[in-house]
Amino acid sequence: MGVAVALSLSFNSVVVMAHGNATGIVKERMELMKEMKDAMKSVADIFSGKSEYNANTIKDAAQTIERNAGSAMTELFPEGSIHGPSEARPEIWQEWERFEDLSDRLQRYSAALANAADNEAVSPGRSATGMMGTSSMMGNGGMGNMMGADGPSEEHLSQMPADRVFKMVTDTCSSCHTRYRVEE
């Protein structure tokens, strides 16, 4: 979880510096990213122990991310909009379907995070297999029955501990940033 917190905090400083000279659609998407970054930070603070566990804070943050992901995000990336202080890489448009998939996944996982916010977080030392084991939730002792082509089902995600779903959100952000954002 420490990596997820570090990623969300490093994203924070990069976005703030870039906003100064941005205009038009680039500024709009930077503002959208800043809103999501602020939401991520509030949840990261909870799971890093900087803030008390608060399901409503997690739900609000997850709903902010959900609202800004999917087509709300991809619409702010018209082809070639890499002018000014944009951190978008040309690979976004070369791999548009993959970029859209990541944005849609972010939307789905953040919706699941809002649903899972009331679930107890996995305590340190408790393994994922300890949580998942061969319970009926997993069916036949494996992920297969709960996993479709797009990953875990909505039902499965809503039953997971909130910190695990948050990790899926941060992993999705990281995948997109690694591939499609210019590094400083």
N, C-alpha and C. Protein backbone atom coordinates (compact mmCIF):
# COMPACT_ATOMS: atom_id res chain seq x y z
N MET A 1 0.83 -1.18 0.00
CA MET A 1 0.00 0.00 0.00
C MET A 1 0.87 1.24 0.00
N GLY A 2 2.09 1.16 0.52
CA GLY A 2 2.99 2.31 0.56
C GLY A 2 3.28 2.86 -0.82
N VAL A 3 3.42 1.98 -1.81
CA VAL A 3 3.68 2.41 -3.18
C VAL A 3 2.50 3.22 -3.70
N ALA A 4 1.31 2.78 -3.41
CA ALA A 4 0.12 3.50 -3.87
C ALA A 4 0.06 4.90 -3.27
N VAL A 5 0.40 5.01 -1.99
CA VAL A 5 0.39 6.31 -1.33
C VAL A 5 1.45 7.20 -1.96
N ALA A 6 2.65 6.65 -2.18
CA ALA A 6 3.73 7.44 -2.79
C ALA A 6 3.36 7.90 -4.19
N LEU A 7 2.73 7.03 -4.97
CA LEU A 7 2.31 7.40 -6.32
C LEU A 7 1.30 8.53 -6.29
N SER A 8 0.34 8.45 -5.40
CA SER A 8 -0.68 9.50 -5.36
C SER A 8 -0.09 10.80 -4.87
N LEU A 9 0.88 10.76 -3.97
CA LEU A 9 1.49 12.00 -3.48
C LEU A 9 2.42 12.61 -4.52
N SER A 10 3.15 11.77 -5.27
CA SER A 10 4.03 12.33 -6.31
C SER A 10 3.20 12.93 -7.44
N PHE A 11 2.07 12.35 -7.74
CA PHE A 11 1.16 12.89 -8.75
C PHE A 11 0.71 14.29 -8.32
N ASN A 12 0.50 14.48 -7.02
CA ASN A 12 0.06 15.75 -6.45
C ASN A 12 1.01 16.88 -6.83
N SER A 13 2.28 16.74 -6.60
CA SER A 13 3.22 17.83 -6.86
C SER A 13 3.37 18.11 -8.34
N VAL A 14 3.32 17.11 -9.18
CA VAL A 14 3.46 17.30 -10.62
C VAL A 14 2.28 18.09 -11.18
N VAL A 15 1.07 17.77 -10.76
CA VAL A 15 -0.12 18.43 -11.29
C VAL A 15 -0.14 19.90 -10.90
N VAL A 16 0.19 20.21 -9.66
CA VAL A 16 0.15 21.59 -9.20
C VAL A 16 1.11 22.46 -10.01
N MET A 17 2.32 21.99 -10.27
CA MET A 17 3.30 22.76 -11.01
C MET A 17 2.87 22.98 -12.46
N ALA A 18 2.22 22.04 -13.06
CA ALA A 18 1.87 22.11 -14.48
C ALA A 18 0.71 23.04 -14.78
N HIS A 19 -0.17 23.28 -13.84
CA HIS A 19 -1.38 24.06 -14.09
C HIS A 19 -1.12 25.49 -14.51
N GLY A 20 -0.02 26.08 -14.09
CA GLY A 20 0.23 27.49 -14.30
C GLY A 20 0.05 27.99 -15.72
N ASN A 21 0.54 27.30 -16.71
CA ASN A 21 0.50 27.76 -18.09
C ASN A 21 -0.53 27.02 -18.95
N ALA A 22 -1.31 26.16 -18.37
CA ALA A 22 -2.25 25.37 -19.15
C ALA A 22 -3.45 26.21 -19.58
N THR A 23 -3.96 25.91 -20.78
CA THR A 23 -5.17 26.56 -21.29
C THR A 23 -6.04 25.52 -21.99
N GLY A 24 -7.29 25.89 -22.22
CA GLY A 24 -8.20 25.05 -23.00
C GLY A 24 -8.39 23.67 -22.44
N ILE A 25 -8.46 22.71 -23.34
CA ILE A 25 -8.75 21.32 -22.98
C ILE A 25 -7.66 20.73 -22.09
N VAL A 26 -6.42 21.17 -22.29
CA VAL A 26 -5.32 20.68 -21.44
C VAL A 26 -5.56 21.12 -20.00
N LYS A 27 -5.95 22.37 -19.81
CA LYS A 27 -6.24 22.86 -18.46
C LYS A 27 -7.43 22.11 -17.86
N GLU A 28 -8.46 21.88 -18.67
CA GLU A 28 -9.63 21.15 -18.18
C GLU A 28 -9.25 19.77 -17.67
N ARG A 29 -8.44 19.05 -18.42
CA ARG A 29 -8.08 17.70 -17.97
C ARG A 29 -7.13 17.75 -16.79
N MET A 30 -6.28 18.78 -16.72
CA MET A 30 -5.41 18.91 -15.55
C MET A 30 -6.24 19.19 -14.30
N GLU A 31 -7.28 19.97 -14.44
CA GLU A 31 -8.17 20.23 -13.30
C GLU A 31 -8.91 18.96 -12.89
N LEU A 32 -9.35 18.18 -13.88
CA LEU A 32 -10.00 16.89 -13.59
C LEU A 32 -9.02 15.98 -12.85
N MET A 33 -7.79 15.91 -13.33
CA MET A 33 -6.78 15.06 -12.68
C MET A 33 -6.49 15.54 -11.27
N LYS A 34 -6.45 16.85 -11.06
CA LYS A 34 -6.20 17.39 -9.72
C LYS A 34 -7.34 17.00 -8.77
N GLU A 35 -8.56 17.07 -9.26
CA GLU A 35 -9.70 16.68 -8.43
C GLU A 35 -9.60 15.20 -8.03
N MET A 36 -9.20 14.36 -9.00
CA MET A 36 -9.04 12.94 -8.68
C MET A 36 -7.86 12.73 -7.73
N LYS A 37 -6.78 13.48 -7.95
CA LYS A 37 -5.60 13.38 -7.08
C LYS A 37 -5.95 13.73 -5.64
N ASP A 38 -6.72 14.79 -5.45
CA ASP A 38 -7.13 15.18 -4.10
C ASP A 38 -7.97 14.08 -3.45
N ALA A 39 -8.85 13.48 -4.24
CA ALA A 39 -9.67 12.38 -3.74
C ALA A 39 -8.79 11.18 -3.37
N MET A 40 -7.84 10.86 -4.22
CA MET A 40 -6.92 9.74 -3.95
C MET A 40 -6.13 10.00 -2.66
N LYS A 41 -5.68 11.22 -2.48
CA LYS A 41 -4.89 11.55 -1.30
C LYS A 41 -5.70 11.35 -0.03
N SER A 42 -6.97 11.75 -0.05
CA SER A 42 -7.79 11.59 1.16
C SER A 42 -7.94 10.12 1.54
N VAL A 43 -8.05 9.25 0.55
CA VAL A 43 -8.16 7.81 0.83
C VAL A 43 -6.79 7.24 1.20
N ALA A 44 -5.75 7.68 0.51
CA ALA A 44 -4.39 7.21 0.83
C ALA A 44 -4.03 7.56 2.27
N ASP A 45 -4.44 8.73 2.72
CA ASP A 45 -4.17 9.13 4.11
C ASP A 45 -4.84 8.17 5.09
N ILE A 46 -6.02 7.70 4.75
CA ILE A 46 -6.71 6.75 5.62
C ILE A 46 -5.96 5.43 5.68
N PHE A 47 -5.59 4.89 4.51
CA PHE A 47 -4.96 3.58 4.49
C PHE A 47 -3.50 3.60 4.90
N SER A 48 -2.89 4.78 4.96
CA SER A 48 -1.51 4.87 5.45
C SER A 48 -1.48 5.17 6.95
N GLY A 49 -2.65 5.39 7.55
CA GLY A 49 -2.72 5.64 8.98
C GLY A 49 -2.62 7.11 9.35
N LYS A 50 -2.55 8.00 8.38
CA LYS A 50 -2.48 9.44 8.67
C LYS A 50 -3.82 9.99 9.11
N SER A 51 -4.90 9.35 8.70
CA SER A 51 -6.26 9.75 9.07
C SER A 51 -7.00 8.53 9.59
N GLU A 52 -8.01 8.78 10.41
CA GLU A 52 -8.85 7.68 10.90
C GLU A 52 -9.69 7.12 9.77
N TYR A 53 -10.04 5.85 9.91
CA TYR A 53 -10.89 5.21 8.92
C TYR A 53 -12.25 5.89 8.93
N ASN A 54 -12.68 6.35 7.77
CA ASN A 54 -13.97 7.02 7.64
C ASN A 54 -14.59 6.57 6.32
N ALA A 55 -15.60 5.73 6.44
CA ALA A 55 -16.24 5.17 5.24
C ALA A 55 -16.84 6.27 4.37
N ASN A 56 -17.38 7.32 4.98
CA ASN A 56 -17.98 8.39 4.17
C ASN A 56 -16.93 9.15 3.37
N THR A 57 -15.76 9.37 3.95
CA THR A 57 -14.67 10.02 3.22
C THR A 57 -14.28 9.16 2.02
N ILE A 58 -14.19 7.86 2.23
CA ILE A 58 -13.82 6.93 1.15
C ILE A 58 -14.90 6.95 0.07
N LYS A 59 -16.16 6.89 0.47
CA LYS A 59 -17.26 6.92 -0.50
C LYS A 59 -17.24 8.20 -1.32
N ASP A 60 -17.09 9.35 -0.65
CA ASP A 60 -17.07 10.63 -1.35
C ASP A 60 -15.91 10.70 -2.35
N ALA A 61 -14.74 10.27 -1.91
CA ALA A 61 -13.56 10.29 -2.78
C ALA A 61 -13.75 9.35 -3.96
N ALA A 62 -14.26 8.16 -3.69
CA ALA A 62 -14.48 7.18 -4.76
C ALA A 62 -15.49 7.69 -5.78
N GLN A 63 -16.52 8.37 -5.31
CA GLN A 63 -17.53 8.92 -6.22
C GLN A 63 -16.94 10.05 -7.07
N THR A 64 -16.03 10.82 -6.50
CA THR A 64 -15.34 11.86 -7.27
C THR A 64 -14.52 11.24 -8.39
N ILE A 65 -13.79 10.19 -8.06
CA ILE A 65 -12.97 9.51 -9.07
C ILE A 65 -13.86 8.88 -10.13
N GLU A 66 -14.92 8.21 -9.69
CA GLU A 66 -15.85 7.58 -10.64
C GLU A 66 -16.43 8.61 -11.61
N ARG A 67 -16.84 9.75 -11.08
CA ARG A 67 -17.45 10.80 -11.91
C ARG A 67 -16.46 11.34 -12.95
N ASN A 68 -15.17 11.35 -12.63
CA ASN A 68 -14.15 11.91 -13.51
C ASN A 68 -13.45 10.89 -14.40
N ALA A 69 -13.76 9.62 -14.23
CA ALA A 69 -13.13 8.57 -15.03
C ALA A 69 -14.04 8.22 -16.21
N GLY A 70 -13.70 7.17 -16.93
CA GLY A 70 -14.50 6.74 -18.07
C GLY A 70 -14.51 7.80 -19.16
N SER A 71 -15.66 8.00 -19.76
CA SER A 71 -15.75 8.94 -20.89
C SER A 71 -15.53 10.39 -20.45
N ALA A 72 -15.83 10.72 -19.17
CA ALA A 72 -15.56 12.08 -18.70
C ALA A 72 -14.07 12.40 -18.83
N MET A 73 -13.23 11.41 -18.64
CA MET A 73 -11.79 11.61 -18.79
C MET A 73 -11.38 11.56 -20.26
N THR A 74 -11.78 10.52 -20.95
CA THR A 74 -11.29 10.34 -22.32
C THR A 74 -11.75 11.46 -23.25
N GLU A 75 -12.90 12.07 -22.97
CA GLU A 75 -13.36 13.19 -23.80
C GLU A 75 -12.42 14.40 -23.72
N LEU A 76 -11.61 14.45 -22.68
CA LEU A 76 -10.66 15.56 -22.51
C LEU A 76 -9.31 15.28 -23.17
N PHE A 77 -9.26 14.22 -23.96
CA PHE A 77 -8.04 13.87 -24.68
C PHE A 77 -8.29 13.79 -26.18
N PRO A 78 -8.75 14.89 -26.80
CA PRO A 78 -8.90 14.83 -28.26
C PRO A 78 -7.52 14.63 -28.89
N GLU A 79 -7.51 13.92 -29.98
CA GLU A 79 -6.24 13.56 -30.62
C GLU A 79 -5.36 14.79 -30.83
N GLY A 80 -4.09 14.62 -30.44
CA GLY A 80 -3.09 15.65 -30.65
C GLY A 80 -3.06 16.75 -29.61
N SER A 81 -3.84 16.64 -28.56
CA SER A 81 -3.87 17.72 -27.56
C SER A 81 -2.72 17.57 -26.56
N ILE A 82 -1.52 17.77 -27.08
CA ILE A 82 -0.32 17.66 -26.24
C ILE A 82 0.42 19.00 -26.19
N HIS A 83 -0.26 20.10 -26.47
CA HIS A 83 0.34 21.42 -26.46
C HIS A 83 0.52 21.93 -25.03
N GLY A 84 1.30 22.99 -24.91
CA GLY A 84 1.49 23.65 -23.63
C GLY A 84 2.14 22.73 -22.61
N PRO A 85 1.70 22.82 -21.37
CA PRO A 85 2.32 22.01 -20.33
C PRO A 85 1.74 20.60 -20.22
N SER A 86 1.08 20.12 -21.25
CA SER A 86 0.47 18.80 -21.20
C SER A 86 1.53 17.73 -20.90
N GLU A 87 1.13 16.77 -20.10
CA GLU A 87 2.00 15.64 -19.79
C GLU A 87 1.56 14.38 -20.53
N ALA A 88 0.63 14.56 -21.47
CA ALA A 88 0.14 13.43 -22.25
C ALA A 88 1.17 13.01 -23.28
N ARG A 89 1.34 11.71 -23.41
CA ARG A 89 2.26 11.16 -24.42
C ARG A 89 1.46 10.77 -25.66
N PRO A 90 2.08 10.82 -26.83
CA PRO A 90 1.39 10.45 -28.07
C PRO A 90 0.86 9.01 -28.07
N GLU A 91 1.41 8.16 -27.22
CA GLU A 91 0.96 6.77 -27.14
C GLU A 91 -0.52 6.67 -26.78
N ILE A 92 -1.08 7.69 -26.13
CA ILE A 92 -2.51 7.67 -25.81
C ILE A 92 -3.32 7.42 -27.07
N TRP A 93 -3.02 8.15 -28.13
CA TRP A 93 -3.81 8.06 -29.36
C TRP A 93 -3.40 6.86 -30.21
N GLN A 94 -2.17 6.39 -30.05
CA GLN A 94 -1.72 5.20 -30.76
C GLN A 94 -2.33 3.94 -30.15
N GLU A 95 -2.68 4.01 -28.87
CA GLU A 95 -3.25 2.88 -28.14
C GLU A 95 -4.57 3.30 -27.50
N TRP A 96 -5.40 3.96 -28.28
CA TRP A 96 -6.63 4.55 -27.75
C TRP A 96 -7.52 3.54 -27.03
N GLU A 97 -7.68 2.35 -27.58
CA GLU A 97 -8.56 1.35 -26.94
C GLU A 97 -8.04 0.97 -25.56
N ARG A 98 -6.74 0.82 -25.44
CA ARG A 98 -6.14 0.48 -24.14
C ARG A 98 -6.34 1.63 -23.16
N PHE A 99 -6.14 2.86 -23.63
CA PHE A 99 -6.34 4.04 -22.79
C PHE A 99 -7.79 4.12 -22.31
N GLU A 100 -8.73 3.91 -23.22
CA GLU A 100 -10.15 3.91 -22.85
C GLU A 100 -10.46 2.81 -21.84
N ASP A 101 -9.88 1.63 -22.05
CA ASP A 101 -10.10 0.51 -21.15
C ASP A 101 -9.62 0.86 -19.74
N LEU A 102 -8.44 1.47 -19.64
CA LEU A 102 -7.93 1.85 -18.32
C LEU A 102 -8.85 2.88 -17.66
N SER A 103 -9.33 3.84 -18.42
CA SER A 103 -10.22 4.86 -17.88
C SER A 103 -11.56 4.24 -17.44
N ASP A 104 -12.07 3.31 -18.22
CA ASP A 104 -13.31 2.61 -17.85
C ASP A 104 -13.10 1.75 -16.61
N ARG A 105 -11.95 1.08 -16.54
CA ARG A 105 -11.64 0.28 -15.36
C ARG A 105 -11.57 1.15 -14.11
N LEU A 106 -10.92 2.31 -14.25
CA LEU A 106 -10.83 3.23 -13.12
C LEU A 106 -12.23 3.62 -12.64
N GLN A 107 -13.12 3.84 -13.57
CA GLN A 107 -14.49 4.20 -13.21
C GLN A 107 -15.16 3.04 -12.47
N ARG A 108 -14.98 1.84 -12.98
CA ARG A 108 -15.61 0.66 -12.37
C ARG A 108 -15.03 0.38 -10.99
N TYR A 109 -13.71 0.44 -10.88
CA TYR A 109 -13.07 0.15 -9.58
C TYR A 109 -13.39 1.22 -8.56
N SER A 110 -13.49 2.48 -8.98
CA SER A 110 -13.83 3.52 -8.01
C SER A 110 -15.29 3.38 -7.56
N ALA A 111 -16.18 2.98 -8.45
CA ALA A 111 -17.57 2.69 -8.04
C ALA A 111 -17.58 1.55 -7.03
N ALA A 112 -16.76 0.54 -7.27
CA ALA A 112 -16.66 -0.59 -6.34
C ALA A 112 -16.08 -0.15 -5.00
N LEU A 113 -15.13 0.78 -5.04
CA LEU A 113 -14.55 1.29 -3.79
C LEU A 113 -15.63 1.98 -2.95
N ALA A 114 -16.48 2.75 -3.59
CA ALA A 114 -17.58 3.39 -2.86
C ALA A 114 -18.47 2.32 -2.21
N ASN A 115 -18.75 1.25 -2.92
CA ASN A 115 -19.57 0.16 -2.39
C ASN A 115 -18.87 -0.61 -1.28
N ALA A 116 -17.56 -0.70 -1.34
CA ALA A 116 -16.78 -1.47 -0.37
C ALA A 116 -16.34 -0.64 0.83
N ALA A 117 -16.62 0.65 0.82
CA ALA A 117 -16.11 1.55 1.87
C ALA A 117 -16.49 1.11 3.28
N ASP A 118 -17.64 0.48 3.43
CA ASP A 118 -18.07 0.03 4.76
C ASP A 118 -17.40 -1.29 5.18
N ASN A 119 -16.70 -1.91 4.26
CA ASN A 119 -16.05 -3.19 4.56
C ASN A 119 -14.77 -2.96 5.35
N GLU A 120 -14.53 -3.83 6.27
CA GLU A 120 -13.33 -3.75 7.10
C GLU A 120 -12.09 -3.85 6.23
N ALA A 121 -11.11 -3.03 6.52
CA ALA A 121 -9.84 -3.10 5.80
C ALA A 121 -9.08 -4.33 6.26
N VAL A 122 -8.28 -4.89 5.38
CA VAL A 122 -7.46 -6.04 5.74
C VAL A 122 -6.40 -5.56 6.70
N SER A 123 -6.28 -6.23 7.83
CA SER A 123 -5.29 -5.83 8.81
C SER A 123 -3.90 -6.30 8.37
N PRO A 124 -2.83 -5.59 8.82
CA PRO A 124 -1.48 -6.00 8.45
C PRO A 124 -1.23 -7.46 8.84
N GLY A 125 -0.59 -8.18 7.98
CA GLY A 125 -0.27 -9.58 8.24
C GLY A 125 -1.34 -10.56 7.80
N ARG A 126 -2.53 -10.08 7.49
CA ARG A 126 -3.59 -10.95 7.00
C ARG A 126 -3.44 -11.06 5.50
N SER A 127 -3.24 -12.24 5.02
CA SER A 127 -2.95 -12.40 3.60
C SER A 127 -4.21 -12.42 2.76
N ALA A 128 -4.01 -12.15 1.49
CA ALA A 128 -5.13 -12.19 0.54
C ALA A 128 -5.72 -13.60 0.49
N THR A 129 -4.87 -14.63 0.59
CA THR A 129 -5.41 -15.98 0.56
C THR A 129 -6.18 -16.27 1.83
N GLY A 130 -5.79 -15.65 2.93
CA GLY A 130 -6.55 -15.79 4.16
C GLY A 130 -7.93 -15.20 4.01
N MET A 131 -8.02 -14.13 3.25
CA MET A 131 -9.31 -13.49 3.02
C MET A 131 -10.13 -14.28 2.02
N MET A 132 -9.48 -14.75 0.95
CA MET A 132 -10.23 -15.34 -0.15
C MET A 132 -10.36 -16.85 -0.02
N GLY A 133 -9.30 -17.51 0.37
CA GLY A 133 -9.33 -18.94 0.58
C GLY A 133 -10.19 -19.69 -0.39
N THR A 134 -11.05 -20.55 0.15
CA THR A 134 -11.96 -21.32 -0.69
C THR A 134 -13.40 -21.01 -0.31
N SER A 135 -13.64 -19.81 0.11
CA SER A 135 -14.99 -19.45 0.53
C SER A 135 -15.96 -19.56 -0.64
N SER A 136 -17.22 -19.58 -0.29
CA SER A 136 -18.25 -19.66 -1.33
C SER A 136 -18.24 -18.42 -2.20
N MET A 137 -17.74 -17.29 -1.65
CA MET A 137 -17.67 -16.07 -2.44
C MET A 137 -16.80 -16.30 -3.68
N MET A 138 -15.79 -17.14 -3.55
CA MET A 138 -14.86 -17.36 -4.64
C MET A 138 -15.29 -18.54 -5.52
N GLY A 139 -16.14 -19.38 -5.02
CA GLY A 139 -16.63 -20.50 -5.83
C GLY A 139 -15.55 -21.48 -6.22
N ASN A 140 -15.69 -22.72 -5.94
CA ASN A 140 -14.75 -23.77 -6.33
C ASN A 140 -13.30 -23.45 -5.98
N GLY A 141 -13.08 -22.62 -4.98
CA GLY A 141 -11.73 -22.35 -4.52
C GLY A 141 -10.90 -21.50 -5.46
N GLY A 142 -11.49 -20.86 -6.43
CA GLY A 142 -10.69 -20.05 -7.34
C GLY A 142 -11.40 -18.80 -7.78
N MET A 143 -10.68 -17.93 -8.44
CA MET A 143 -11.23 -16.66 -8.89
C MET A 143 -12.10 -16.84 -10.13
N GLY A 144 -11.98 -17.94 -10.81
CA GLY A 144 -12.63 -18.13 -12.09
C GLY A 144 -14.11 -17.82 -12.13
N ASN A 145 -14.88 -18.27 -11.15
CA ASN A 145 -16.31 -18.06 -11.19
C ASN A 145 -16.72 -16.61 -10.97
N MET A 146 -15.88 -15.85 -10.29
CA MET A 146 -16.21 -14.47 -9.99
C MET A 146 -15.53 -13.50 -10.96
N MET A 147 -14.68 -14.02 -11.82
CA MET A 147 -13.92 -13.16 -12.71
C MET A 147 -14.42 -13.34 -14.13
N GLY A 148 -14.80 -12.24 -14.74
CA GLY A 148 -15.14 -12.27 -16.15
C GLY A 148 -13.94 -11.80 -16.95
N ALA A 149 -14.14 -11.53 -18.20
CA ALA A 149 -13.06 -11.06 -19.05
C ALA A 149 -12.53 -9.70 -18.57
N ASP A 150 -13.36 -8.94 -17.86
CA ASP A 150 -12.97 -7.62 -17.39
C ASP A 150 -12.49 -7.62 -15.95
N GLY A 151 -12.20 -8.77 -15.38
CA GLY A 151 -11.73 -8.82 -14.00
C GLY A 151 -12.84 -9.21 -13.05
N PRO A 152 -12.63 -8.91 -11.78
CA PRO A 152 -13.62 -9.31 -10.77
C PRO A 152 -14.99 -8.71 -11.05
N SER A 153 -16.02 -9.46 -10.71
CA SER A 153 -17.39 -8.98 -10.89
C SER A 153 -17.68 -7.86 -9.90
N GLU A 154 -18.71 -7.08 -10.19
CA GLU A 154 -19.13 -6.01 -9.28
C GLU A 154 -19.47 -6.59 -7.90
N GLU A 155 -20.14 -7.73 -7.91
CA GLU A 155 -20.51 -8.38 -6.64
C GLU A 155 -19.27 -8.72 -5.82
N HIS A 156 -18.29 -9.31 -6.47
CA HIS A 156 -17.05 -9.67 -5.77
C HIS A 156 -16.35 -8.43 -5.24
N LEU A 157 -16.21 -7.41 -6.06
CA LEU A 157 -15.52 -6.19 -5.65
C LEU A 157 -16.20 -5.55 -4.44
N SER A 158 -17.52 -5.55 -4.42
CA SER A 158 -18.24 -4.90 -3.32
C SER A 158 -18.09 -5.66 -2.01
N GLN A 159 -17.67 -6.92 -2.08
CA GLN A 159 -17.48 -7.73 -0.87
C GLN A 159 -16.04 -7.68 -0.37
N MET A 160 -15.14 -7.12 -1.17
CA MET A 160 -13.73 -7.07 -0.79
C MET A 160 -13.48 -5.99 0.25
N PRO A 161 -12.42 -6.14 1.04
CA PRO A 161 -12.04 -5.05 1.95
C PRO A 161 -11.71 -3.80 1.13
N ALA A 162 -12.07 -2.65 1.66
CA ALA A 162 -11.91 -1.40 0.92
C ALA A 162 -10.46 -1.13 0.54
N ASP A 163 -9.52 -1.50 1.40
CA ASP A 163 -8.12 -1.21 1.05
C ASP A 163 -7.66 -2.03 -0.16
N ARG A 164 -8.22 -3.20 -0.35
CA ARG A 164 -7.88 -4.02 -1.53
C ARG A 164 -8.45 -3.39 -2.79
N VAL A 165 -9.65 -2.88 -2.71
CA VAL A 165 -10.24 -2.23 -3.88
C VAL A 165 -9.49 -0.94 -4.19
N PHE A 166 -9.09 -0.21 -3.14
CA PHE A 166 -8.31 1.01 -3.35
C PHE A 166 -7.00 0.68 -4.05
N LYS A 167 -6.40 -0.44 -3.73
CA LYS A 167 -5.16 -0.86 -4.40
C LYS A 167 -5.43 -1.08 -5.89
N MET A 168 -6.57 -1.61 -6.23
CA MET A 168 -6.92 -1.80 -7.65
C MET A 168 -7.07 -0.45 -8.33
N VAL A 169 -7.64 0.53 -7.63
CA VAL A 169 -7.77 1.88 -8.18
C VAL A 169 -6.37 2.47 -8.41
N THR A 170 -5.51 2.38 -7.40
CA THR A 170 -4.17 2.97 -7.54
C THR A 170 -3.34 2.25 -8.59
N ASP A 171 -3.49 0.93 -8.68
CA ASP A 171 -2.77 0.19 -9.72
C ASP A 171 -3.21 0.62 -11.12
N THR A 172 -4.50 0.89 -11.27
CA THR A 172 -5.02 1.35 -12.56
C THR A 172 -4.46 2.72 -12.90
N CYS A 173 -4.45 3.62 -11.93
CA CYS A 173 -3.85 4.95 -12.14
C CYS A 173 -2.38 4.81 -12.54
N SER A 174 -1.67 3.98 -11.81
CA SER A 174 -0.25 3.79 -12.07
C SER A 174 0.01 3.22 -13.47
N SER A 175 -0.81 2.27 -13.88
CA SER A 175 -0.66 1.68 -15.22
C SER A 175 -0.81 2.74 -16.29
N CYS A 176 -1.78 3.60 -16.13
CA CYS A 176 -2.02 4.65 -17.11
C CYS A 176 -0.90 5.68 -17.08
N HIS A 177 -0.52 6.12 -15.90
CA HIS A 177 0.55 7.13 -15.79
C HIS A 177 1.87 6.61 -16.32
N THR A 178 2.19 5.38 -16.04
CA THR A 178 3.45 4.80 -16.51
C THR A 178 3.53 4.79 -18.03
N ARG A 179 2.43 4.47 -18.66
CA ARG A 179 2.41 4.33 -20.11
C ARG A 179 2.12 5.64 -20.85
N TYR A 180 1.28 6.48 -20.28
CA TYR A 180 0.75 7.60 -21.05
C TYR A 180 1.07 9.00 -20.52
N ARG A 181 1.86 9.09 -19.48
CA ARG A 181 2.20 10.41 -18.94
C ARG A 181 3.70 10.63 -19.04
N VAL A 182 4.08 11.83 -19.52
CA VAL A 182 5.49 12.20 -19.61
C VAL A 182 6.04 12.31 -18.19
N GLU A 183 7.16 11.67 -17.98
CA GLU A 183 7.81 11.73 -16.67
C GLU A 183 8.64 13.00 -16.58
N GLU A 184 8.65 13.60 -15.39
CA GLU A 184 9.45 14.80 -15.16
C GLU A 184 10.91 14.44 -15.10
